[in-house]
């Protein structure tokens, strides 16, 4: 079983399309090939981003 993830803000920072985002995650993170996401079980999540300046 392979798994891979990108933090949600990666899509925004890279300006990838949805298919590019899924392809990069499948190939670069999970190692299941560019189109591997099409047969994968997908999960979504949200992230709370805390920056150092938030503590000053």
PDB file of N, CA and C in Angstrom:
ATOM      1  N   UNK A   1       0.844  -1.184   0.000  1.00  0.00           N
ATOM      2  CA  UNK A   1       0.000   0.000   0.000  1.00  0.00           C
ATOM      3  C   UNK A   1       0.885   1.242   0.000  1.00  0.00           C
ATOM      4  N   UNK A   2       0.613   2.151  -0.886  1.00  0.00           N
ATOM      5  CA  UNK A   2       1.379   3.394  -0.996  1.00  0.00           C
ATOM      6  C   UNK A   2       0.537   4.552  -0.495  1.00  0.00           C
ATOM      7  N   UNK A   3       1.200   5.578  -0.016  1.00  0.00           N
ATOM      8  CA  UNK A   3       0.469   6.778   0.391  1.00  0.00           C
ATOM      9  C   UNK A   3       1.318   8.001   0.085  1.00  0.00           C
ATOM     10  N   UNK A   4       0.663   9.123  -0.060  1.00  0.00           N
ATOM     11  CA  UNK A   4       1.352  10.376  -0.309  1.00  0.00           C
ATOM     12  C   UNK A   4       0.439  11.529   0.010  1.00  0.00           C
ATOM     13  N   UNK A   5       1.024  12.647   0.363  1.00  0.00           N
ATOM     14  CA  UNK A   5       0.223  13.819   0.682  1.00  0.00           C
ATOM     15  C   UNK A   5       0.984  15.101   0.342  1.00  0.00           C
ATOM     16  N   UNK A   6       0.251  16.109   0.021  1.00  0.00           N
ATOM     17  CA  UNK A   6       0.756  17.472  -0.063  1.00  0.00           C
ATOM     18  C   UNK A   6      -0.087  18.282   0.905  1.00  0.00           C
ATOM     19  N   UNK A   7       0.509  19.237   1.574  1.00  0.00           N
ATOM     20  CA  UNK A   7      -0.296  20.146   2.376  1.00  0.00           C
ATOM     21  C   UNK A   7      -1.242  20.897   1.451  1.00  0.00           C
ATOM     22  N   UNK A   8      -2.444  21.207   1.909  1.00  0.00           N
ATOM     23  CA  UNK A   8      -3.431  21.855   1.039  1.00  0.00           C
ATOM     24  C   UNK A   8      -2.936  23.131   0.367  1.00  0.00           C
ATOM     25  N   UNK A   9      -2.067  23.890   1.021  1.00  0.00           N
ATOM     26  CA  UNK A   9      -1.615  25.147   0.431  1.00  0.00           C
ATOM     27  C   UNK A   9      -0.669  24.945  -0.749  1.00  0.00           C
ATOM     28  N   UNK A  10      -0.144  23.736  -0.952  1.00  0.00           N
ATOM     29  CA  UNK A  10       0.766  23.477  -2.074  1.00  0.00           C
ATOM     30  C   UNK A  10       0.072  23.758  -3.402  1.00  0.00           C
ATOM     31  N   UNK A  11      -1.173  23.363  -3.548  1.00  0.00           N
ATOM     32  CA  UNK A  11      -1.904  23.596  -4.798  1.00  0.00           C
ATOM     33  C   UNK A  11      -1.983  25.085  -5.102  1.00  0.00           C
ATOM     34  N   UNK A  12      -2.243  25.876  -4.097  1.00  0.00           N
ATOM     35  CA  UNK A  12      -2.350  27.328  -4.287  1.00  0.00           C
ATOM     36  C   UNK A  12      -0.983  27.929  -4.620  1.00  0.00           C
ATOM     37  N   UNK A  13       0.053  27.481  -3.935  1.00  0.00           N
ATOM     38  CA  UNK A  13       1.392  28.041  -4.130  1.00  0.00           C
ATOM     39  C   UNK A  13       1.983  27.691  -5.492  1.00  0.00           C
ATOM     40  N   UNK A  14       1.638  26.538  -6.045  1.00  0.00           N
ATOM     41  CA  UNK A  14       2.213  26.088  -7.313  1.00  0.00           C
ATOM     42  C   UNK A  14       1.369  26.471  -8.519  1.00  0.00           C
ATOM     43  N   UNK A  15       0.117  26.858  -8.284  1.00  0.00           N
ATOM     44  CA  UNK A  15      -0.832  27.158  -9.361  1.00  0.00           C
ATOM     45  C   UNK A  15      -1.091  25.959 -10.264  1.00  0.00           C
ATOM     46  N   UNK A  16      -0.946  24.733  -9.718  1.00  0.00           N
ATOM     47  CA  UNK A  16      -1.267  23.534 -10.481  1.00  0.00           C
ATOM     48  C   UNK A  16      -2.771  23.425 -10.671  1.00  0.00           C
ATOM     49  N   UNK A  17      -3.172  22.808 -11.769  1.00  0.00           N
ATOM     50  CA  UNK A  17      -4.575  22.437 -11.936  1.00  0.00           C
ATOM     51  C   UNK A  17      -4.851  21.268 -10.995  1.00  0.00           C
ATOM     52  N   UNK A  18      -6.113  20.906 -10.839  1.00  0.00           N
ATOM     53  CA  UNK A  18      -6.458  19.766  -9.992  1.00  0.00           C
ATOM     54  C   UNK A  18      -5.765  18.499 -10.487  1.00  0.00           C
ATOM     55  N   UNK A  19      -5.787  18.271 -11.801  1.00  0.00           N
ATOM     56  CA  UNK A  19      -5.159  17.063 -12.347  1.00  0.00           C
ATOM     57  C   UNK A  19      -3.642  17.083 -12.139  1.00  0.00           C
ATOM     58  N   UNK A  20      -3.015  18.249 -12.265  1.00  0.00           N
ATOM     59  CA  UNK A  20      -1.576  18.347 -12.001  1.00  0.00           C
ATOM     60  C   UNK A  20      -1.270  18.062 -10.532  1.00  0.00           C
ATOM     61  N   UNK A  21      -2.084  18.602  -9.644  1.00  0.00           N
ATOM     62  CA  UNK A  21      -1.912  18.371  -8.207  1.00  0.00           C
ATOM     63  C   UNK A  21      -1.998  16.883  -7.896  1.00  0.00           C
ATOM     64  N   UNK A  22      -3.034  16.230  -8.411  1.00  0.00           N
ATOM     65  CA  UNK A  22      -3.213  14.799  -8.160  1.00  0.00           C
ATOM     66  C   UNK A  22      -2.099  13.978  -8.800  1.00  0.00           C
ATOM     67  N   UNK A  23      -1.685  14.355 -10.001  1.00  0.00           N
ATOM     68  CA  UNK A  23      -0.604  13.652 -10.682  1.00  0.00           C
ATOM     69  C   UNK A  23       0.713  13.743  -9.932  1.00  0.00           C
ATOM     70  N   UNK A  24       1.054  14.944  -9.468  1.00  0.00           N
ATOM     71  CA  UNK A  24       2.294  15.117  -8.708  1.00  0.00           C
ATOM     72  C   UNK A  24       2.246  14.343  -7.395  1.00  0.00           C
ATOM     73  N   UNK A  25       1.117  14.377  -6.722  1.00  0.00           N
ATOM     74  CA  UNK A  25       0.994  13.643  -5.463  1.00  0.00           C
ATOM     75  C   UNK A  25       1.130  12.139  -5.709  1.00  0.00           C
ATOM     76  N   UNK A  26       0.452  11.641  -6.738  1.00  0.00           N
ATOM     77  CA  UNK A  26       0.512  10.207  -7.050  1.00  0.00           C
ATOM     78  C   UNK A  26       1.928   9.784  -7.427  1.00  0.00           C
ATOM     79  N   UNK A  27       2.552  10.518  -8.319  1.00  0.00           N
ATOM     80  CA  UNK A  27       3.880  10.134  -8.814  1.00  0.00           C
ATOM     81  C   UNK A  27       4.989  10.460  -7.818  1.00  0.00           C
ATOM     82  N   UNK A  28       5.007  11.710  -7.341  1.00  0.00           N
ATOM     83  CA  UNK A  28       6.142  12.178  -6.552  1.00  0.00           C
ATOM     84  C   UNK A  28       6.069  11.786  -5.081  1.00  0.00           C
ATOM     85  N   UNK A  29       4.876  11.654  -4.549  1.00  0.00           N
ATOM     86  CA  UNK A  29       4.736  11.336  -3.125  1.00  0.00           C
ATOM     87  C   UNK A  29       4.392   9.867  -2.880  1.00  0.00           C
ATOM     88  N   UNK A  30       3.420   9.329  -3.622  1.00  0.00           N
ATOM     89  CA  UNK A  30       2.989   7.947  -3.388  1.00  0.00           C
ATOM     90  C   UNK A  30       3.757   6.939  -4.233  1.00  0.00           C
ATOM     91  N   UNK A  31       4.389   7.412  -5.322  1.00  0.00           N
ATOM     92  CA  UNK A  31       5.156   6.516  -6.175  1.00  0.00           C
ATOM     93  C   UNK A  31       4.312   5.546  -6.982  1.00  0.00           C
ATOM     94  N   UNK A  32       3.093   5.961  -7.340  1.00  0.00           N
ATOM     95  CA  UNK A  32       2.181   5.062  -8.069  1.00  0.00           C
ATOM     96  C   UNK A  32       1.948   5.516  -9.504  1.00  0.00           C
ATOM     97  N   UNK A  33       2.805   6.383 -10.012  1.00  0.00           N
ATOM     98  CA  UNK A  33       2.676   6.853 -11.388  1.00  0.00           C
ATOM     99  C   UNK A  33       1.735   8.039 -11.501  1.00  0.00           C
ATOM    100  N   UNK A  34       1.921   8.808 -12.569  1.00  0.00           N
ATOM    101  CA  UNK A  34       1.171  10.050 -12.756  1.00  0.00           C
ATOM    102  C   UNK A  34      -0.341   9.847 -12.693  1.00  0.00           C
ATOM    103  N   UNK A  35      -0.854   8.803 -13.324  1.00  0.00           N
ATOM    104  CA  UNK A  35      -2.300   8.561 -13.349  1.00  0.00           C
ATOM    105  C   UNK A  35      -2.768   7.619 -12.246  1.00  0.00           C
ATOM    106  N   UNK A  36      -1.878   7.261 -11.332  1.00  0.00           N
ATOM    107  CA  UNK A  36      -2.231   6.337 -10.256  1.00  0.00           C
ATOM    108  C   UNK A  36      -3.370   6.816  -9.380  1.00  0.00           C
ATOM    109  N   UNK A  37      -3.558   8.124  -9.291  1.00  0.00           N
ATOM    110  CA  UNK A  37      -4.630   8.674  -8.455  1.00  0.00           C
ATOM    111  C   UNK A  37      -6.009   8.262  -8.956  1.00  0.00           C
ATOM    112  N   UNK A  38      -6.110   7.924 -10.243  1.00  0.00           N
ATOM    113  CA  UNK A  38      -7.413   7.572 -10.816  1.00  0.00           C
ATOM    114  C   UNK A  38      -7.964   6.279 -10.234  1.00  0.00           C
ATOM    115  N   UNK A  39      -7.090   5.409  -9.747  1.00  0.00           N
ATOM    116  CA  UNK A  39      -7.516   4.143  -9.147  1.00  0.00           C
ATOM    117  C   UNK A  39      -7.272   4.107  -7.644  1.00  0.00           C
ATOM    118  N   UNK A  40      -6.918   5.233  -7.066  1.00  0.00           N
ATOM    119  CA  UNK A  40      -6.567   5.285  -5.644  1.00  0.00           C
ATOM    120  C   UNK A  40      -7.759   5.701  -4.793  1.00  0.00           C
ATOM    121  N   UNK A  41      -7.664   5.401  -3.528  1.00  0.00           N
ATOM    122  CA  UNK A  41      -8.633   5.877  -2.546  1.00  0.00           C
ATOM    123  C   UNK A  41      -8.127   7.236  -2.072  1.00  0.00           C
ATOM    124  N   UNK A  42      -8.916   8.277  -2.284  1.00  0.00           N
ATOM    125  CA  UNK A  42      -8.476   9.645  -1.998  1.00  0.00           C
ATOM    126  C   UNK A  42      -9.146  10.191  -0.748  1.00  0.00           C
ATOM    127  N   UNK A  43      -8.394  10.965  -0.001  1.00  0.00           N
ATOM    128  CA  UNK A  43      -8.901  11.636   1.189  1.00  0.00           C
ATOM    129  C   UNK A  43      -8.522  13.108   1.098  1.00  0.00           C
ATOM    130  N   UNK A  44      -9.359  13.974   1.630  1.00  0.00           N
ATOM    131  CA  UNK A  44      -9.041  15.399   1.688  1.00  0.00           C
ATOM    132  C   UNK A  44      -9.003  15.842   3.144  1.00  0.00           C
ATOM    133  N   UNK A  45      -8.284  16.911   3.390  1.00  0.00           N
ATOM    134  CA  UNK A  45      -8.220  17.467   4.733  1.00  0.00           C
ATOM    135  C   UNK A  45      -7.889  18.946   4.643  1.00  0.00           C
ATOM    136  N   UNK A  46      -8.053  19.628   5.755  1.00  0.00           N
ATOM    137  CA  UNK A  46      -7.718  21.041   5.844  1.00  0.00           C
ATOM    138  C   UNK A  46      -6.544  21.197   6.797  1.00  0.00           C
ATOM    139  N   UNK A  47      -5.814  22.284   6.646  1.00  0.00           N
ATOM    140  CA  UNK A  47      -4.683  22.560   7.532  1.00  0.00           C
ATOM    141  C   UNK A  47      -4.830  23.953   8.122  1.00  0.00           C
ATOM    142  N   UNK A  48      -4.468  24.085   9.368  1.00  0.00           N
ATOM    143  CA  UNK A  48      -4.407  25.379  10.030  1.00  0.00           C
ATOM    144  C   UNK A  48      -2.954  25.824   9.969  1.00  0.00           C
ATOM    145  N   UNK A  49      -2.694  26.928   9.307  1.00  0.00           N
ATOM    146  CA  UNK A  49      -1.327  27.405   9.119  1.00  0.00           C
ATOM    147  C   UNK A  49      -1.020  28.442  10.189  1.00  0.00           C
ATOM    148  N   UNK A  50      -0.019  28.153  11.000  1.00  0.00           N
ATOM    149  CA  UNK A  50       0.404  29.061  12.059  1.00  0.00           C
ATOM    150  C   UNK A  50       1.809  29.528  11.718  1.00  0.00           C
ATOM    151  N   UNK A  51       1.989  30.825  11.650  1.00  0.00           N
ATOM    152  CA  UNK A  51       3.295  31.392  11.325  1.00  0.00           C
ATOM    153  C   UNK A  51       3.942  31.955  12.580  1.00  0.00           C
ATOM    154  N   UNK A  52       5.253  32.040  12.553  1.00  0.00           N
ATOM    155  CA  UNK A  52       5.991  32.533  13.712  1.00  0.00           C
ATOM    156  C   UNK A  52       5.508  33.914  14.145  1.00  0.00           C
ATOM    157  N   UNK A  53       5.158  34.760  13.189  1.00  0.00           N
ATOM    158  CA  UNK A  53       4.708  36.117  13.529  1.00  0.00           C
ATOM    159  C   UNK A  53       3.427  36.100  14.358  1.00  0.00           C
ATOM    160  N   UNK A  54       2.669  34.980  14.325  1.00  0.00           N
ATOM    161  CA  UNK A  54       1.441  34.865  15.104  1.00  0.00           C
ATOM    162  C   UNK A  54       1.722  34.802  16.608  1.00  0.00           C
ATOM    163  N   UNK A  55       2.978  34.558  16.979  1.00  0.00           N
ATOM    164  CA  UNK A  55       3.329  34.411  18.390  1.00  0.00           C
ATOM    165  C   UNK A  55       4.001  35.648  18.972  1.00  0.00           C
ATOM    166  N   UNK A  56       4.107  36.709  18.204  1.00  0.00           N
ATOM    167  CA  UNK A  56       4.748  37.943  18.699  1.00  0.00           C
ATOM    168  C   UNK A  56       3.722  38.967  19.087  1.00  0.00           C
TER     169      UNK A  56
END
